[in-house]
Amino acid sequence: MVAAKFQKPTGAFVAASWAALFIGAIVFLIGLWNASMQLNEKGYYFTILMYGLFSAVSLQKSVRDRLEGIPVTNIYYSLCWVSLLMSVALLGVGLFNATLAASEKGFYGMAFLLALFGAVAVQKNVRDIASHTASAPAVEGETTDAA
């Protein structure tokens, strides 16, 4: 199998990806901190955020591994998809049943999705940069870690 070649992402896209991840997650957490809900509800939403971020990164890694010819079992790949969809569904069910204003529900939903997008984009950029660095020939006069 021919290994896929990926372009190095631009600095602007890397910065935008990190910004999306941090803005989405931090805004979600600030909303939780300031919310007038019980501590167990806050814990539920915090756990869903962490579960969603982990499953999004894991899914992106699995997809990328498959593209690069790195073996990924079907069960793990399927579990990544199920986990991501479950995190989104659990947030949706929680918000649907919450006694929050519609604007608050939208706030949490959009911050959550922004954080998931940011996590996927950051993971993609990390892999692209590592792939580009490993395949780029060293410029004369540069030192590398391997030397």
N, C-alpha and C. Protein backbone atom coordinates (compact mmCIF):
# COMPACT_ATOMS: atom_id res chain seq x y z
N MET A 1 0.84 -1.19 0.00
CA MET A 1 0.00 0.00 0.00
C MET A 1 0.89 1.25 0.00
N VAL A 2 0.55 2.22 -0.81
CA VAL A 2 1.31 3.46 -0.91
C VAL A 2 0.90 4.37 0.24
N ALA A 3 1.89 4.89 0.94
CA ALA A 3 1.61 5.79 2.05
C ALA A 3 1.08 7.11 1.52
N ALA A 4 0.06 7.62 2.17
CA ALA A 4 -0.51 8.90 1.77
C ALA A 4 0.45 10.03 2.14
N LYS A 5 0.51 11.05 1.30
CA LYS A 5 1.37 12.20 1.56
C LYS A 5 0.47 13.37 1.94
N PHE A 6 0.78 14.01 3.05
CA PHE A 6 -0.02 15.11 3.55
C PHE A 6 0.79 16.38 3.55
N GLN A 7 0.13 17.48 3.21
CA GLN A 7 0.79 18.78 3.23
C GLN A 7 0.93 19.28 4.65
N LYS A 8 1.96 20.07 4.87
CA LYS A 8 2.12 20.71 6.17
C LYS A 8 1.06 21.81 6.27
N PRO A 9 0.32 21.85 7.39
CA PRO A 9 -0.70 22.90 7.54
C PRO A 9 -0.06 24.27 7.74
N THR A 10 -0.78 25.29 7.34
CA THR A 10 -0.27 26.65 7.51
C THR A 10 -0.33 27.05 8.98
N GLY A 11 0.47 28.01 9.33
CA GLY A 11 0.45 28.52 10.70
C GLY A 11 -0.90 29.07 11.09
N ALA A 12 -1.58 29.69 10.13
CA ALA A 12 -2.90 30.26 10.41
C ALA A 12 -3.91 29.16 10.75
N PHE A 13 -3.85 28.03 10.01
CA PHE A 13 -4.79 26.95 10.28
C PHE A 13 -4.47 26.28 11.61
N VAL A 14 -3.20 26.12 11.92
CA VAL A 14 -2.80 25.55 13.21
C VAL A 14 -3.31 26.43 14.34
N ALA A 15 -3.11 27.74 14.22
CA ALA A 15 -3.57 28.67 15.25
C ALA A 15 -5.09 28.66 15.37
N ALA A 16 -5.79 28.64 14.23
CA ALA A 16 -7.25 28.61 14.26
C ALA A 16 -7.76 27.32 14.90
N SER A 17 -7.09 26.22 14.66
CA SER A 17 -7.49 24.94 15.25
C SER A 17 -7.34 24.96 16.76
N TRP A 18 -6.18 25.41 17.23
CA TRP A 18 -5.97 25.51 18.68
C TRP A 18 -6.96 26.48 19.30
N ALA A 19 -7.22 27.60 18.61
CA ALA A 19 -8.18 28.57 19.13
C ALA A 19 -9.57 27.95 19.24
N ALA A 20 -9.99 27.20 18.23
CA ALA A 20 -11.31 26.56 18.27
C ALA A 20 -11.40 25.58 19.43
N LEU A 21 -10.35 24.80 19.64
CA LEU A 21 -10.34 23.84 20.74
C LEU A 21 -10.44 24.57 22.08
N PHE A 22 -9.56 25.53 22.30
CA PHE A 22 -9.54 26.22 23.59
C PHE A 22 -10.77 27.09 23.82
N ILE A 23 -11.19 27.82 22.80
CA ILE A 23 -12.37 28.67 22.97
C ILE A 23 -13.60 27.82 23.25
N GLY A 24 -13.79 26.76 22.47
CA GLY A 24 -14.95 25.90 22.69
C GLY A 24 -14.95 25.27 24.08
N ALA A 25 -13.84 24.67 24.47
CA ALA A 25 -13.76 24.00 25.77
C ALA A 25 -13.83 24.99 26.93
N ILE A 26 -13.08 26.07 26.84
CA ILE A 26 -13.05 27.03 27.95
C ILE A 26 -14.39 27.74 28.11
N VAL A 27 -15.00 28.12 27.02
CA VAL A 27 -16.31 28.78 27.10
C VAL A 27 -17.35 27.81 27.68
N PHE A 28 -17.31 26.55 27.25
CA PHE A 28 -18.20 25.53 27.81
C PHE A 28 -17.99 25.43 29.32
N LEU A 29 -16.73 25.37 29.75
CA LEU A 29 -16.42 25.24 31.17
C LEU A 29 -16.77 26.49 31.97
N ILE A 30 -16.59 27.66 31.38
CA ILE A 30 -17.00 28.90 32.06
C ILE A 30 -18.51 28.91 32.23
N GLY A 31 -19.22 28.47 31.20
CA GLY A 31 -20.67 28.37 31.31
C GLY A 31 -21.09 27.43 32.43
N LEU A 32 -20.40 26.30 32.55
CA LEU A 32 -20.70 25.36 33.64
C LEU A 32 -20.41 25.98 35.00
N TRP A 33 -19.26 26.65 35.09
CA TRP A 33 -18.87 27.26 36.36
C TRP A 33 -19.91 28.27 36.84
N ASN A 34 -20.43 29.03 35.92
CA ASN A 34 -21.39 30.09 36.27
C ASN A 34 -22.85 29.62 36.28
N ALA A 35 -23.11 28.39 35.88
CA ALA A 35 -24.48 27.90 35.79
C ALA A 35 -25.08 27.70 37.18
N SER A 36 -26.36 27.91 37.25
CA SER A 36 -27.08 27.69 38.52
C SER A 36 -27.76 26.32 38.47
N MET A 37 -26.93 25.30 38.33
CA MET A 37 -27.44 23.92 38.33
C MET A 37 -26.71 23.16 39.43
N GLN A 38 -27.25 22.01 39.77
CA GLN A 38 -26.64 21.21 40.83
C GLN A 38 -25.28 20.69 40.39
N LEU A 39 -24.46 20.38 41.38
CA LEU A 39 -23.10 19.92 41.10
C LEU A 39 -23.10 18.63 40.28
N ASN A 40 -24.05 17.73 40.51
CA ASN A 40 -24.09 16.50 39.73
C ASN A 40 -24.41 16.78 38.26
N GLU A 41 -25.22 17.79 37.98
CA GLU A 41 -25.49 18.18 36.59
C GLU A 41 -24.24 18.75 35.94
N LYS A 42 -23.52 19.58 36.68
CA LYS A 42 -22.27 20.14 36.16
C LYS A 42 -21.28 19.01 35.86
N GLY A 43 -21.22 18.04 36.75
CA GLY A 43 -20.34 16.89 36.54
C GLY A 43 -20.72 16.10 35.30
N TYR A 44 -22.02 15.96 35.06
CA TYR A 44 -22.51 15.26 33.87
C TYR A 44 -22.02 15.96 32.60
N TYR A 45 -22.22 17.27 32.53
CA TYR A 45 -21.82 18.01 31.34
C TYR A 45 -20.30 18.06 31.18
N PHE A 46 -19.57 18.15 32.29
CA PHE A 46 -18.10 18.13 32.23
C PHE A 46 -17.62 16.78 31.69
N THR A 47 -18.20 15.70 32.19
CA THR A 47 -17.80 14.37 31.74
C THR A 47 -18.12 14.16 30.27
N ILE A 48 -19.25 14.66 29.82
CA ILE A 48 -19.62 14.55 28.40
C ILE A 48 -18.61 15.32 27.54
N LEU A 49 -18.19 16.49 28.00
CA LEU A 49 -17.19 17.25 27.24
C LEU A 49 -15.89 16.46 27.13
N MET A 50 -15.41 15.92 28.24
CA MET A 50 -14.16 15.17 28.22
C MET A 50 -14.29 13.90 27.36
N TYR A 51 -15.41 13.21 27.49
CA TYR A 51 -15.66 12.00 26.69
C TYR A 51 -15.71 12.35 25.21
N GLY A 52 -16.38 13.44 24.88
CA GLY A 52 -16.48 13.87 23.48
C GLY A 52 -15.13 14.23 22.90
N LEU A 53 -14.32 14.97 23.65
CA LEU A 53 -13.00 15.35 23.15
C LEU A 53 -12.11 14.13 22.94
N PHE A 54 -12.13 13.22 23.89
CA PHE A 54 -11.31 12.01 23.76
C PHE A 54 -11.77 11.17 22.57
N SER A 55 -13.07 10.98 22.44
CA SER A 55 -13.56 10.13 21.35
C SER A 55 -13.32 10.78 19.99
N ALA A 56 -13.40 12.10 19.90
CA ALA A 56 -13.14 12.79 18.63
C ALA A 56 -11.68 12.63 18.22
N VAL A 57 -10.77 12.79 19.16
CA VAL A 57 -9.34 12.63 18.87
C VAL A 57 -9.04 11.18 18.50
N SER A 58 -9.62 10.25 19.23
CA SER A 58 -9.39 8.83 18.96
C SER A 58 -9.92 8.43 17.59
N LEU A 59 -11.08 8.96 17.22
CA LEU A 59 -11.63 8.67 15.90
C LEU A 59 -10.75 9.25 14.81
N GLN A 60 -10.29 10.48 14.98
CA GLN A 60 -9.44 11.10 13.97
C GLN A 60 -8.15 10.31 13.82
N LYS A 61 -7.59 9.87 14.93
CA LYS A 61 -6.37 9.07 14.88
C LYS A 61 -6.61 7.75 14.15
N SER A 62 -7.73 7.11 14.41
CA SER A 62 -8.04 5.84 13.75
C SER A 62 -8.21 6.02 12.25
N VAL A 63 -8.91 7.07 11.86
CA VAL A 63 -9.10 7.35 10.43
C VAL A 63 -7.75 7.61 9.78
N ARG A 64 -6.93 8.41 10.43
CA ARG A 64 -5.62 8.75 9.88
C ARG A 64 -4.72 7.52 9.81
N ASP A 65 -4.75 6.69 10.85
CA ASP A 65 -3.95 5.47 10.84
C ASP A 65 -4.33 4.60 9.64
N ARG A 66 -5.61 4.46 9.39
CA ARG A 66 -6.06 3.65 8.25
C ARG A 66 -5.58 4.25 6.93
N LEU A 67 -5.64 5.58 6.81
CA LEU A 67 -5.16 6.23 5.59
C LEU A 67 -3.68 5.99 5.38
N GLU A 68 -2.93 5.91 6.45
CA GLU A 68 -1.48 5.72 6.36
C GLU A 68 -1.08 4.25 6.33
N GLY A 69 -2.07 3.36 6.31
CA GLY A 69 -1.77 1.94 6.23
C GLY A 69 -1.39 1.30 7.56
N ILE A 70 -1.63 2.00 8.65
CA ILE A 70 -1.39 1.45 9.99
C ILE A 70 -2.62 0.65 10.38
N PRO A 71 -2.44 -0.60 10.78
CA PRO A 71 -3.61 -1.43 11.08
C PRO A 71 -4.44 -0.89 12.25
N VAL A 72 -5.73 -0.85 12.05
CA VAL A 72 -6.71 -0.49 13.09
C VAL A 72 -7.81 -1.53 13.00
N THR A 73 -8.11 -2.17 14.11
CA THR A 73 -9.14 -3.20 14.07
C THR A 73 -10.50 -2.57 13.82
N ASN A 74 -11.37 -3.33 13.19
CA ASN A 74 -12.72 -2.85 12.92
C ASN A 74 -13.49 -2.56 14.20
N ILE A 75 -13.25 -3.37 15.23
CA ILE A 75 -13.96 -3.16 16.49
C ILE A 75 -13.55 -1.82 17.12
N TYR A 76 -12.26 -1.51 17.11
CA TYR A 76 -11.81 -0.23 17.68
C TYR A 76 -12.33 0.95 16.85
N TYR A 77 -12.23 0.82 15.55
CA TYR A 77 -12.72 1.87 14.66
C TYR A 77 -14.21 2.11 14.90
N SER A 78 -14.98 1.04 15.02
CA SER A 78 -16.43 1.16 15.28
C SER A 78 -16.69 1.76 16.64
N LEU A 79 -15.91 1.35 17.64
CA LEU A 79 -16.09 1.91 18.98
C LEU A 79 -15.81 3.42 19.01
N CYS A 80 -14.85 3.85 18.22
CA CYS A 80 -14.56 5.29 18.14
C CYS A 80 -15.78 6.05 17.61
N TRP A 81 -16.38 5.51 16.54
CA TRP A 81 -17.58 6.14 15.98
C TRP A 81 -18.73 6.13 16.98
N VAL A 82 -18.95 4.99 17.61
CA VAL A 82 -20.04 4.86 18.60
C VAL A 82 -19.81 5.83 19.75
N SER A 83 -18.58 5.93 20.23
CA SER A 83 -18.27 6.84 21.34
C SER A 83 -18.54 8.29 20.97
N LEU A 84 -18.11 8.69 19.79
CA LEU A 84 -18.35 10.08 19.39
C LEU A 84 -19.84 10.37 19.26
N LEU A 85 -20.56 9.47 18.61
CA LEU A 85 -22.00 9.66 18.45
C LEU A 85 -22.73 9.62 19.79
N MET A 86 -22.26 8.76 20.70
CA MET A 86 -22.87 8.70 22.03
C MET A 86 -22.64 9.99 22.81
N SER A 87 -21.46 10.56 22.70
CA SER A 87 -21.19 11.80 23.43
C SER A 87 -22.10 12.93 22.93
N VAL A 88 -22.27 13.00 21.62
CA VAL A 88 -23.16 14.03 21.07
C VAL A 88 -24.61 13.75 21.48
N ALA A 89 -25.02 12.48 21.42
CA ALA A 89 -26.39 12.12 21.81
C ALA A 89 -26.63 12.37 23.30
N LEU A 90 -25.67 12.03 24.14
CA LEU A 90 -25.82 12.26 25.58
C LEU A 90 -25.91 13.75 25.90
N LEU A 91 -25.14 14.55 25.20
CA LEU A 91 -25.27 15.99 25.41
C LEU A 91 -26.64 16.46 24.96
N GLY A 92 -27.08 15.98 23.80
CA GLY A 92 -28.40 16.36 23.29
C GLY A 92 -29.52 15.98 24.23
N VAL A 93 -29.49 14.77 24.74
CA VAL A 93 -30.52 14.31 25.68
C VAL A 93 -30.47 15.14 26.96
N GLY A 94 -29.26 15.37 27.46
CA GLY A 94 -29.12 16.17 28.67
C GLY A 94 -29.66 17.57 28.50
N LEU A 95 -29.35 18.19 27.37
CA LEU A 95 -29.83 19.56 27.13
C LEU A 95 -31.34 19.59 26.88
N PHE A 96 -31.84 18.57 26.19
CA PHE A 96 -33.28 18.51 25.92
C PHE A 96 -34.06 18.44 27.23
N ASN A 97 -33.56 17.69 28.19
CA ASN A 97 -34.26 17.51 29.47
C ASN A 97 -33.88 18.55 30.52
N ALA A 98 -32.93 19.40 30.23
CA ALA A 98 -32.48 20.40 31.20
C ALA A 98 -33.49 21.53 31.33
N THR A 99 -33.51 22.11 32.52
CA THR A 99 -34.38 23.28 32.77
C THR A 99 -33.57 24.55 32.52
N LEU A 100 -33.07 24.66 31.32
CA LEU A 100 -32.28 25.82 30.91
C LEU A 100 -33.05 26.58 29.85
N ALA A 101 -32.71 27.84 29.70
CA ALA A 101 -33.28 28.64 28.61
C ALA A 101 -32.76 28.10 27.29
N ALA A 102 -33.54 28.30 26.25
CA ALA A 102 -33.14 27.81 24.92
C ALA A 102 -31.79 28.40 24.51
N SER A 103 -31.53 29.64 24.87
CA SER A 103 -30.25 30.25 24.52
C SER A 103 -29.09 29.57 25.24
N GLU A 104 -29.30 29.13 26.47
CA GLU A 104 -28.26 28.41 27.21
C GLU A 104 -28.01 27.04 26.58
N LYS A 105 -29.07 26.38 26.18
CA LYS A 105 -28.93 25.08 25.53
C LYS A 105 -28.13 25.22 24.23
N GLY A 106 -28.46 26.23 23.47
CA GLY A 106 -27.72 26.49 22.23
C GLY A 106 -26.27 26.83 22.50
N PHE A 107 -26.03 27.59 23.56
CA PHE A 107 -24.67 27.96 23.96
C PHE A 107 -23.85 26.71 24.23
N TYR A 108 -24.37 25.80 25.05
CA TYR A 108 -23.63 24.58 25.39
C TYR A 108 -23.44 23.70 24.17
N GLY A 109 -24.45 23.58 23.35
CA GLY A 109 -24.35 22.75 22.15
C GLY A 109 -23.29 23.28 21.19
N MET A 110 -23.29 24.56 20.94
CA MET A 110 -22.33 25.14 20.00
C MET A 110 -20.91 25.13 20.56
N ALA A 111 -20.75 25.41 21.85
CA ALA A 111 -19.41 25.37 22.46
C ALA A 111 -18.86 23.94 22.41
N PHE A 112 -19.72 22.96 22.65
CA PHE A 112 -19.32 21.56 22.60
C PHE A 112 -18.87 21.18 21.19
N LEU A 113 -19.65 21.51 20.20
CA LEU A 113 -19.30 21.17 18.82
C LEU A 113 -18.05 21.90 18.35
N LEU A 114 -17.88 23.14 18.77
CA LEU A 114 -16.66 23.89 18.44
C LEU A 114 -15.43 23.21 19.04
N ALA A 115 -15.55 22.77 20.30
CA ALA A 115 -14.44 22.09 20.95
C ALA A 115 -14.12 20.77 20.24
N LEU A 116 -15.15 20.01 19.83
CA LEU A 116 -14.91 18.75 19.11
C LEU A 116 -14.22 19.01 17.78
N PHE A 117 -14.69 20.02 17.05
CA PHE A 117 -14.05 20.37 15.79
C PHE A 117 -12.59 20.74 16.02
N GLY A 118 -12.35 21.57 17.03
CA GLY A 118 -10.98 21.98 17.34
C GLY A 118 -10.10 20.81 17.69
N ALA A 119 -10.61 19.86 18.46
CA ALA A 119 -9.83 18.68 18.84
C ALA A 119 -9.43 17.86 17.61
N VAL A 120 -10.37 17.66 16.70
CA VAL A 120 -10.09 16.91 15.47
C VAL A 120 -9.06 17.65 14.62
N ALA A 121 -9.23 18.95 14.48
CA ALA A 121 -8.31 19.73 13.65
C ALA A 121 -6.91 19.77 14.26
N VAL A 122 -6.83 19.91 15.58
CA VAL A 122 -5.52 19.92 16.24
C VAL A 122 -4.83 18.57 16.05
N GLN A 123 -5.57 17.47 16.24
CA GLN A 123 -4.98 16.14 16.05
C GLN A 123 -4.51 15.96 14.61
N LYS A 124 -5.30 16.44 13.64
CA LYS A 124 -4.90 16.35 12.24
C LYS A 124 -3.62 17.14 12.01
N ASN A 125 -3.54 18.33 12.55
CA ASN A 125 -2.35 19.16 12.37
C ASN A 125 -1.12 18.54 13.00
N VAL A 126 -1.28 17.95 14.17
CA VAL A 126 -0.15 17.29 14.83
C VAL A 126 0.39 16.18 13.94
N ARG A 127 -0.52 15.38 13.37
CA ARG A 127 -0.08 14.29 12.49
C ARG A 127 0.53 14.83 11.20
N ASP A 128 -0.08 15.85 10.62
CA ASP A 128 0.45 16.42 9.38
C ASP A 128 1.84 16.99 9.58
N ILE A 129 2.04 17.72 10.67
CA ILE A 129 3.35 18.33 10.94
C ILE A 129 4.39 17.24 11.20
N ALA A 130 4.01 16.21 11.97
CA ALA A 130 4.95 15.12 12.24
C ALA A 130 5.30 14.37 10.96
N SER A 131 4.31 14.15 10.11
CA SER A 131 4.54 13.46 8.84
C SER A 131 5.44 14.29 7.94
N HIS A 132 5.17 15.59 7.89
CA HIS A 132 5.97 16.47 7.05
C HIS A 132 7.40 16.56 7.56
N THR A 133 7.55 16.66 8.87
CA THR A 133 8.88 16.76 9.47
C THR A 133 9.69 15.49 9.21
N ALA A 134 9.03 14.34 9.31
CA ALA A 134 9.72 13.06 9.11
C ALA A 134 10.12 12.85 7.65
N SER A 135 9.33 13.38 6.72
CA SER A 135 9.61 13.15 5.30
C SER A 135 10.43 14.25 4.64
N ALA A 136 10.53 15.41 5.30
CA ALA A 136 11.28 16.54 4.71
C ALA A 136 12.77 16.31 4.89
N PRO A 137 13.54 16.49 3.83
CA PRO A 137 14.99 16.35 3.98
C PRO A 137 15.54 17.49 4.82
N ALA A 138 16.55 17.19 5.60
CA ALA A 138 17.16 18.20 6.46
C ALA A 138 17.88 19.22 5.59
N VAL A 139 17.73 20.48 5.93
CA VAL A 139 18.41 21.56 5.22
C VAL A 139 19.85 21.60 5.72
N GLU A 140 20.78 21.87 4.80
CA GLU A 140 22.19 21.89 5.17
C GLU A 140 22.42 22.90 6.29
N GLY A 141 23.11 22.46 7.30
CA GLY A 141 23.41 23.35 8.43
C GLY A 141 22.43 23.17 9.59
N GLU A 142 21.27 22.50 9.35
CA GLU A 142 20.31 22.25 10.43
C GLU A 142 20.74 21.05 11.23
N THR A 143 20.46 21.08 12.49
CA THR A 143 20.70 19.90 13.32
C THR A 143 19.37 19.21 13.57
N THR A 144 19.42 17.90 13.66
CA THR A 144 18.21 17.15 13.95
C THR A 144 18.39 16.38 15.24
N ASP A 145 17.30 15.90 15.81
CA ASP A 145 17.36 15.13 17.03
C ASP A 145 18.08 13.81 16.83
N ALA A 146 18.00 13.26 15.61
CA ALA A 146 18.60 11.96 15.33
C ALA A 146 20.12 12.05 15.24
N ALA A 147 20.65 13.23 14.95
CA ALA A 147 22.10 13.37 14.74
C ALA A 147 22.88 13.36 16.01
